[in-house]
Amino acid sequence: MANTPQSKKRARQIERQTAVNKARRSRIRTFLRKVEEAIASGNADAAREALKSAQPELMRGVTKGVVHKNTAARKISRLSARVKALATA
């Protein structure tokens, strides 16, 4: 447990930041789920729109340090490939 005033303050700060990061990660997952659901339903237009709104959200997570850059790039790449395949099928 934190003993010094500095360590107590850091514990409080970490607690607040953890809550913010948790909310951001949850928001990103929600956007990704919407893309997944649109792909599963077979609706190419809805999937394209959902992906378009999910991309900036994922990249915002990268700038805020919630998601690694390569992880976000991989997710966007794989989802866009699936949306593109859905449109051609």
C-alpha atoms as a PDB file:
ATOM      1  CA  MET A   1       0.000   0.000   0.000  1.00  0.00           C
ATOM      2  CA  ALA A   2       1.135   3.545  -0.686  1.00  0.00           C
ATOM      3  CA  ASN A   3       2.872   5.171   2.258  1.00  0.00           C
ATOM      4  CA  THR A   4       4.450   8.421   1.139  1.00  0.00           C
ATOM      5  CA  PRO A   5       2.323  11.393   0.056  1.00  0.00           C
ATOM      6  CA  GLN A   6       3.782  11.113  -3.433  1.00  0.00           C
ATOM      7  CA  SER A   7       2.886   7.438  -3.773  1.00  0.00           C
ATOM      8  CA  LYS A   8      -0.624   8.135  -2.455  1.00  0.00           C
ATOM      9  CA  LYS A   9      -1.089  10.854  -5.055  1.00  0.00           C
ATOM     10  CA  ARG A  10       0.226   8.573  -7.816  1.00  0.00           C
ATOM     11  CA  ALA A  11      -2.234   5.881  -6.726  1.00  0.00           C
ATOM     12  CA  ARG A  12      -5.097   8.371  -7.018  1.00  0.00           C
ATOM     13  CA  GLN A  13      -3.906   9.527 -10.433  1.00  0.00           C
ATOM     14  CA  ILE A  14      -3.534   5.959 -11.702  1.00  0.00           C
ATOM     15  CA  GLU A  15      -7.039   5.139 -10.485  1.00  0.00           C
ATOM     16  CA  ARG A  16      -8.514   8.079 -12.427  1.00  0.00           C
ATOM     17  CA  GLN A  17      -6.512   7.332 -15.565  1.00  0.00           C
ATOM     18  CA  THR A  18      -7.465   3.652 -15.421  1.00  0.00           C
ATOM     19  CA  ALA A  19     -11.146   4.617 -15.440  1.00  0.00           C
ATOM     20  CA  VAL A  20     -10.606   6.891 -18.454  1.00  0.00           C
ATOM     21  CA  ASN A  21      -8.668   4.220 -20.347  1.00  0.00           C
ATOM     22  CA  LYS A  22     -11.324   1.626 -19.527  1.00  0.00           C
ATOM     23  CA  ALA A  23     -14.035   3.878 -20.962  1.00  0.00           C
ATOM     24  CA  ARG A  24     -11.979   4.515 -24.103  1.00  0.00           C
ATOM     25  CA  ARG A  25     -11.294   0.814 -24.625  1.00  0.00           C
ATOM     26  CA  SER A  26     -14.975   0.026 -24.137  1.00  0.00           C
ATOM     27  CA  ARG A  27     -15.952   2.706 -26.674  1.00  0.00           C
ATOM     28  CA  ILE A  28     -13.505   1.284 -29.223  1.00  0.00           C
ATOM     29  CA  ARG A  29     -14.867  -2.230 -28.700  1.00  0.00           C
ATOM     30  CA  THR A  30     -18.417  -0.939 -29.225  1.00  0.00           C
ATOM     31  CA  PHE A  31     -17.469   0.588 -32.574  1.00  0.00           C
ATOM     32  CA  LEU A  32     -15.698  -2.612 -33.637  1.00  0.00           C
ATOM     33  CA  ARG A  33     -18.716  -4.685 -32.597  1.00  0.00           C
ATOM     34  CA  LYS A  34     -20.968  -2.527 -34.787  1.00  0.00           C
ATOM     35  CA  VAL A  35     -18.730  -3.287 -37.775  1.00  0.00           C
ATOM     36  CA  GLU A  36     -18.779  -7.010 -36.937  1.00  0.00           C
ATOM     37  CA  GLU A  37     -22.564  -7.012 -36.661  1.00  0.00           C
ATOM     38  CA  ALA A  38     -22.954  -5.186 -39.980  1.00  0.00           C
ATOM     39  CA  ILE A  39     -20.651  -7.724 -41.664  1.00  0.00           C
ATOM     40  CA  ALA A  40     -22.563 -10.611 -40.096  1.00  0.00           C
ATOM     41  CA  SER A  41     -25.874  -9.196 -41.320  1.00  0.00           C
ATOM     42  CA  GLY A  42     -24.480  -9.022 -44.858  1.00  0.00           C
ATOM     43  CA  ASN A  43     -25.289  -5.333 -45.273  1.00  0.00           C
ATOM     44  CA  ALA A  44     -22.336  -3.894 -47.230  1.00  0.00           C
ATOM     45  CA  ASP A  45     -23.431  -0.254 -46.934  1.00  0.00           C
ATOM     46  CA  ALA A  46     -23.946  -0.451 -43.176  1.00  0.00           C
ATOM     47  CA  ALA A  47     -20.614  -2.250 -42.789  1.00  0.00           C
ATOM     48  CA  ARG A  48     -18.829   0.443 -44.805  1.00  0.00           C
ATOM     49  CA  GLU A  49     -20.376   3.224 -42.707  1.00  0.00           C
ATOM     50  CA  ALA A  50     -19.619   1.427 -39.444  1.00  0.00           C
ATOM     51  CA  LEU A  51     -15.996   0.927 -40.513  1.00  0.00           C
ATOM     52  CA  LYS A  52     -15.727   4.575 -41.508  1.00  0.00           C
ATOM     53  CA  SER A  53     -16.832   5.630 -38.007  1.00  0.00           C
ATOM     54  CA  ALA A  54     -14.698   2.985 -36.258  1.00  0.00           C
ATOM     55  CA  GLN A  55     -11.405   3.953 -37.912  1.00  0.00           C
ATOM     56  CA  PRO A  56     -10.987   7.376 -36.268  1.00  0.00           C
ATOM     57  CA  GLU A  57     -12.062   5.927 -32.935  1.00  0.00           C
ATOM     58  CA  LEU A  58      -9.366   3.250 -33.130  1.00  0.00           C
ATOM     59  CA  MET A  59      -6.708   5.766 -34.156  1.00  0.00           C
ATOM     60  CA  ARG A  60      -7.756   8.038 -31.295  1.00  0.00           C
ATOM     61  CA  GLY A  61      -7.106   5.097 -29.001  1.00  0.00           C
ATOM     62  CA  VAL A  62      -3.610   4.902 -30.464  1.00  0.00           C
ATOM     63  CA  THR A  63      -2.863   8.573 -29.771  1.00  0.00           C
ATOM     64  CA  LYS A  64      -4.202   8.226 -26.228  1.00  0.00           C
ATOM     65  CA  GLY A  65      -2.060   5.157 -25.595  1.00  0.00           C
ATOM     66  CA  VAL A  66      -4.905   2.714 -25.063  1.00  0.00           C
ATOM     67  CA  VAL A  67      -4.162   0.596 -28.158  1.00  0.00           C
ATOM     68  CA  HIS A  68      -0.819  -0.069 -29.850  1.00  0.00           C
ATOM     69  CA  LYS A  69      -0.396   1.430 -33.315  1.00  0.00           C
ATOM     70  CA  ASN A  70       0.222  -1.910 -35.020  1.00  0.00           C
ATOM     71  CA  THR A  71      -2.775  -3.500 -33.295  1.00  0.00           C
ATOM     72  CA  ALA A  72      -5.056  -0.737 -34.563  1.00  0.00           C
ATOM     73  CA  ALA A  73      -3.581  -0.976 -38.068  1.00  0.00           C
ATOM     74  CA  ARG A  74      -4.073  -4.755 -38.075  1.00  0.00           C
ATOM     75  CA  LYS A  75      -7.689  -4.492 -36.922  1.00  0.00           C
ATOM     76  CA  ILE A  76      -8.528  -1.818 -39.504  1.00  0.00           C
ATOM     77  CA  SER A  77      -6.804  -3.785 -42.252  1.00  0.00           C
ATOM     78  CA  ARG A  78      -8.624  -7.024 -41.486  1.00  0.00           C
ATOM     79  CA  LEU A  79     -12.016  -5.363 -41.082  1.00  0.00           C
ATOM     80  CA  SER A  80     -11.653  -3.358 -44.291  1.00  0.00           C
ATOM     81  CA  ALA A  81     -10.699  -6.520 -46.174  1.00  0.00           C
ATOM     82  CA  ARG A  82     -13.833  -8.240 -44.875  1.00  0.00           C
ATOM     83  CA  VAL A  83     -16.024  -5.251 -45.755  1.00  0.00           C
ATOM     84  CA  LYS A  84     -14.500  -5.128 -49.231  1.00  0.00           C
ATOM     85  CA  ALA A  85     -15.114  -8.862 -49.717  1.00  0.00           C
ATOM     86  CA  LEU A  86     -18.700  -8.362 -48.561  1.00  0.00           C
ATOM     87  CA  ALA A  87     -19.250  -5.645 -51.171  1.00  0.00           C
ATOM     88  CA  THR A  88     -17.931  -7.797 -54.036  1.00  0.00           C
ATOM     89  CA  ALA A  89     -19.781 -10.953 -52.970  1.00  0.00           C
END
